[in-house]
């Protein structure tokens, strides 16, 4: 018995799409997103100090992140800001929500005083939920 279908009069040829290349492209995109997603989540690339940490104070709310890189540039939620702009933005956030959580990510190559200048701004803005982010030992 033949596996071919015989064409009868009036039958039109059926179009077929080869899905192999489409599936290959889908897996290629999937792998690309899996590899690049962790880099996108971090934002500003810094070397965090190593220490044993407790759970961060984020709970249900999305924490705002203040990052200080090795060149002493300050970022609020991955956007570069000056110390004055940081103070203004944090004061506005605190006025809107008194329990706004803030995570401070400081590069380990920074001087202690540079990180403390940002912590002083947080204290001045009356931020109550603040944590210094480190890498687990």
C-alpha atoms as a PDB file:
ATOM      1  CA  UNK A   1       0.000   0.000   0.000  1.00  0.00           C
ATOM      2  CA  UNK A   2       1.370   3.366  -0.952  1.00  0.00           C
ATOM      3  CA  UNK A   3       1.662   6.190   1.557  1.00  0.00           C
ATOM      4  CA  UNK A   4       1.119   8.791  -1.116  1.00  0.00           C
ATOM      5  CA  UNK A   5      -2.269  10.279  -1.521  1.00  0.00           C
ATOM      6  CA  UNK A   6      -3.558  10.429  -4.990  1.00  0.00           C
ATOM      7  CA  UNK A   7      -4.754  13.772  -6.137  1.00  0.00           C
ATOM      8  CA  UNK A   8      -8.226  13.831  -7.412  1.00  0.00           C
ATOM      9  CA  UNK A   9      -9.524  16.370  -9.806  1.00  0.00           C
ATOM     10  CA  UNK A  10     -10.287  19.634  -8.058  1.00  0.00           C
ATOM     11  CA  UNK A  11      -7.937  18.968  -5.149  1.00  0.00           C
ATOM     12  CA  UNK A  12      -5.624  21.870  -4.558  1.00  0.00           C
ATOM     13  CA  UNK A  13      -2.097  21.340  -3.288  1.00  0.00           C
ATOM     14  CA  UNK A  14      -1.826  21.960   0.469  1.00  0.00           C
ATOM     15  CA  UNK A  15       0.708  24.449   1.730  1.00  0.00           C
ATOM     16  CA  UNK A  16       3.120  23.218   4.341  1.00  0.00           C
ATOM     17  CA  UNK A  17       5.428  25.255   6.556  1.00  0.00           C
ATOM     18  CA  UNK A  18       8.683  23.786   7.754  1.00  0.00           C
ATOM     19  CA  UNK A  19       8.741  24.535  11.502  1.00  0.00           C
ATOM     20  CA  UNK A  20      12.347  23.445  12.122  1.00  0.00           C
ATOM     21  CA  UNK A  21      13.948  26.838  11.594  1.00  0.00           C
ATOM     22  CA  UNK A  22      11.225  28.550  13.636  1.00  0.00           C
ATOM     23  CA  UNK A  23      11.796  26.170  16.557  1.00  0.00           C
ATOM     24  CA  UNK A  24      15.571  26.737  16.324  1.00  0.00           C
ATOM     25  CA  UNK A  25      15.041  30.494  16.447  1.00  0.00           C
ATOM     26  CA  UNK A  26      12.722  30.156  19.453  1.00  0.00           C
ATOM     27  CA  UNK A  27      15.290  28.160  21.425  1.00  0.00           C
ATOM     28  CA  UNK A  28      18.042  30.591  20.448  1.00  0.00           C
ATOM     29  CA  UNK A  29      15.997  33.516  21.794  1.00  0.00           C
ATOM     30  CA  UNK A  30      15.148  31.579  24.945  1.00  0.00           C
ATOM     31  CA  UNK A  31      18.806  30.841  25.676  1.00  0.00           C
ATOM     32  CA  UNK A  32      19.729  34.473  24.957  1.00  0.00           C
ATOM     33  CA  UNK A  33      17.163  35.767  27.460  1.00  0.00           C
ATOM     34  CA  UNK A  34      18.185  33.228  30.103  1.00  0.00           C
ATOM     35  CA  UNK A  35      21.825  34.302  29.815  1.00  0.00           C
ATOM     36  CA  UNK A  36      21.211  38.080  29.751  1.00  0.00           C
ATOM     37  CA  UNK A  37      18.422  38.372  32.362  1.00  0.00           C
ATOM     38  CA  UNK A  38      20.681  38.190  35.459  1.00  0.00           C
ATOM     39  CA  UNK A  39      22.830  41.018  34.092  1.00  0.00           C
ATOM     40  CA  UNK A  40      19.754  43.177  33.492  1.00  0.00           C
ATOM     41  CA  UNK A  41      18.457  42.683  37.026  1.00  0.00           C
ATOM     42  CA  UNK A  42      21.652  43.912  38.688  1.00  0.00           C
ATOM     43  CA  UNK A  43      21.790  47.239  36.865  1.00  0.00           C
ATOM     44  CA  UNK A  44      25.007  48.927  37.974  1.00  0.00           C
ATOM     45  CA  UNK A  45      27.908  46.495  38.169  1.00  0.00           C
ATOM     46  CA  UNK A  46      29.766  46.650  41.485  1.00  0.00           C
ATOM     47  CA  UNK A  47      31.743  44.337  43.748  1.00  0.00           C
ATOM     48  CA  UNK A  48      29.744  43.858  46.944  1.00  0.00           C
ATOM     49  CA  UNK A  49      31.592  43.192  50.204  1.00  0.00           C
ATOM     50  CA  UNK A  50      31.333  39.689  51.662  1.00  0.00           C
ATOM     51  CA  UNK A  51      29.512  39.161  54.943  1.00  0.00           C
ATOM     52  CA  UNK A  52      26.872  37.010  56.546  1.00  0.00           C
ATOM     53  CA  UNK A  53      23.485  38.686  56.085  1.00  0.00           C
ATOM     54  CA  UNK A  54      20.008  38.368  57.481  1.00  0.00           C
ATOM     55  CA  UNK A  55      16.904  38.628  55.356  1.00  0.00           C
ATOM     56  CA  UNK A  56      16.540  41.985  53.600  1.00  0.00           C
ATOM     57  CA  UNK A  57      13.653  44.237  54.713  1.00  0.00           C
ATOM     58  CA  UNK A  58      11.663  44.051  51.480  1.00  0.00           C
ATOM     59  CA  UNK A  59       8.747  41.756  52.476  1.00  0.00           C
ATOM     60  CA  UNK A  60       5.803  42.702  50.256  1.00  0.00           C
ATOM     61  CA  UNK A  61       7.090  45.997  48.882  1.00  0.00           C
ATOM     62  CA  UNK A  62       9.596  46.477  46.118  1.00  0.00           C
ATOM     63  CA  UNK A  63      12.681  48.006  47.699  1.00  0.00           C
ATOM     64  CA  UNK A  64      14.360  51.060  46.253  1.00  0.00           C
ATOM     65  CA  UNK A  65      18.061  50.576  45.619  1.00  0.00           C
ATOM     66  CA  UNK A  66      20.805  53.138  46.191  1.00  0.00           C
ATOM     67  CA  UNK A  67      24.033  52.006  44.514  1.00  0.00           C
ATOM     68  CA  UNK A  68      27.475  53.586  44.888  1.00  0.00           C
ATOM     69  CA  UNK A  69      30.005  52.335  42.351  1.00  0.00           C
ATOM     70  CA  UNK A  70      33.811  52.294  42.616  1.00  0.00           C
ATOM     71  CA  UNK A  71      34.033  55.784  41.073  1.00  0.00           C
ATOM     72  CA  UNK A  72      31.749  57.171  43.842  1.00  0.00           C
ATOM     73  CA  UNK A  73      28.834  57.702  41.446  1.00  0.00           C
ATOM     74  CA  UNK A  74      25.437  57.373  43.126  1.00  0.00           C
ATOM     75  CA  UNK A  75      22.459  55.653  41.479  1.00  0.00           C
ATOM     76  CA  UNK A  76      18.861  55.536  42.687  1.00  0.00           C
ATOM     77  CA  UNK A  77      17.077  52.534  41.148  1.00  0.00           C
ATOM     78  CA  UNK A  78      19.842  52.339  38.497  1.00  0.00           C
ATOM     79  CA  UNK A  79      19.493  56.016  37.479  1.00  0.00           C
ATOM     80  CA  UNK A  80      22.468  58.313  38.186  1.00  0.00           C
ATOM     81  CA  UNK A  81      21.724  61.058  40.730  1.00  0.00           C
ATOM     82  CA  UNK A  82      23.628  63.634  42.746  1.00  0.00           C
ATOM     83  CA  UNK A  83      23.532  63.657  46.542  1.00  0.00           C
ATOM     84  CA  UNK A  84      21.035  66.540  46.464  1.00  0.00           C
ATOM     85  CA  UNK A  85      18.748  64.748  43.981  1.00  0.00           C
ATOM     86  CA  UNK A  86      18.983  61.595  46.101  1.00  0.00           C
ATOM     87  CA  UNK A  87      17.908  63.495  49.202  1.00  0.00           C
ATOM     88  CA  UNK A  88      14.974  65.098  47.365  1.00  0.00           C
ATOM     89  CA  UNK A  89      13.800  61.798  45.873  1.00  0.00           C
ATOM     90  CA  UNK A  90      14.100  59.888  49.152  1.00  0.00           C
ATOM     91  CA  UNK A  91      12.271  62.624  51.065  1.00  0.00           C
ATOM     92  CA  UNK A  92       9.419  62.416  48.551  1.00  0.00           C
ATOM     93  CA  UNK A  93       9.319  58.601  48.830  1.00  0.00           C
ATOM     94  CA  UNK A  94       9.317  58.784  52.630  1.00  0.00           C
ATOM     95  CA  UNK A  95       6.509  61.363  52.628  1.00  0.00           C
ATOM     96  CA  UNK A  96       4.437  59.088  50.394  1.00  0.00           C
ATOM     97  CA  UNK A  97       5.182  55.912  52.389  1.00  0.00           C
ATOM     98  CA  UNK A  98       6.883  56.204  55.819  1.00  0.00           C
ATOM     99  CA  UNK A  99       7.949  52.525  55.688  1.00  0.00           C
ATOM    100  CA  UNK A 100       9.599  52.655  52.265  1.00  0.00           C
ATOM    101  CA  UNK A 101      12.448  50.076  52.161  1.00  0.00           C
ATOM    102  CA  UNK A 102      15.828  51.154  50.795  1.00  0.00           C
ATOM    103  CA  UNK A 103      18.753  48.852  49.998  1.00  0.00           C
ATOM    104  CA  UNK A 104      22.237  50.385  49.915  1.00  0.00           C
ATOM    105  CA  UNK A 105      24.695  48.638  47.585  1.00  0.00           C
ATOM    106  CA  UNK A 106      28.223  49.991  47.993  1.00  0.00           C
ATOM    107  CA  UNK A 107      31.244  48.773  46.054  1.00  0.00           C
ATOM    108  CA  UNK A 108      33.766  47.137  48.396  1.00  0.00           C
ATOM    109  CA  UNK A 109      36.580  49.294  46.971  1.00  0.00           C
ATOM    110  CA  UNK A 110      34.958  52.480  48.327  1.00  0.00           C
ATOM    111  CA  UNK A 111      36.112  54.297  51.433  1.00  0.00           C
ATOM    112  CA  UNK A 112      33.896  53.892  54.462  1.00  0.00           C
ATOM    113  CA  UNK A 113      33.133  57.626  54.481  1.00  0.00           C
ATOM    114  CA  UNK A 114      31.694  57.575  50.968  1.00  0.00           C
ATOM    115  CA  UNK A 115      29.129  54.927  51.887  1.00  0.00           C
ATOM    116  CA  UNK A 116      28.389  56.715  55.152  1.00  0.00           C
ATOM    117  CA  UNK A 117      27.613  59.954  53.291  1.00  0.00           C
ATOM    118  CA  UNK A 118      24.736  58.121  51.586  1.00  0.00           C
ATOM    119  CA  UNK A 119      23.645  56.537  54.880  1.00  0.00           C
ATOM    120  CA  UNK A 120      23.582  60.049  56.420  1.00  0.00           C
ATOM    121  CA  UNK A 121      21.233  61.161  53.630  1.00  0.00           C
ATOM    122  CA  UNK A 122      18.957  58.205  54.415  1.00  0.00           C
ATOM    123  CA  UNK A 123      18.987  59.147  58.107  1.00  0.00           C
ATOM    124  CA  UNK A 124      18.257  62.791  57.263  1.00  0.00           C
ATOM    125  CA  UNK A 125      15.286  61.685  55.114  1.00  0.00           C
ATOM    126  CA  UNK A 126      14.025  59.593  58.057  1.00  0.00           C
ATOM    127  CA  UNK A 127      14.162  56.302  56.153  1.00  0.00           C
ATOM    128  CA  UNK A 128      13.355  53.649  58.770  1.00  0.00           C
ATOM    129  CA  UNK A 129      13.832  50.472  56.726  1.00  0.00           C
ATOM    130  CA  UNK A 130      17.345  50.372  55.332  1.00  0.00           C
ATOM    131  CA  UNK A 131      19.813  47.549  54.706  1.00  0.00           C
ATOM    132  CA  UNK A 132      23.413  47.376  53.517  1.00  0.00           C
ATOM    133  CA  UNK A 133      23.607  44.700  50.809  1.00  0.00           C
ATOM    134  CA  UNK A 134      26.500  42.222  50.872  1.00  0.00           C
ATOM    135  CA  UNK A 135      27.422  38.951  49.193  1.00  0.00           C
ATOM    136  CA  UNK A 136      27.029  35.775  51.272  1.00  0.00           C
ATOM    137  CA  UNK A 137      30.382  34.298  52.385  1.00  0.00           C
END
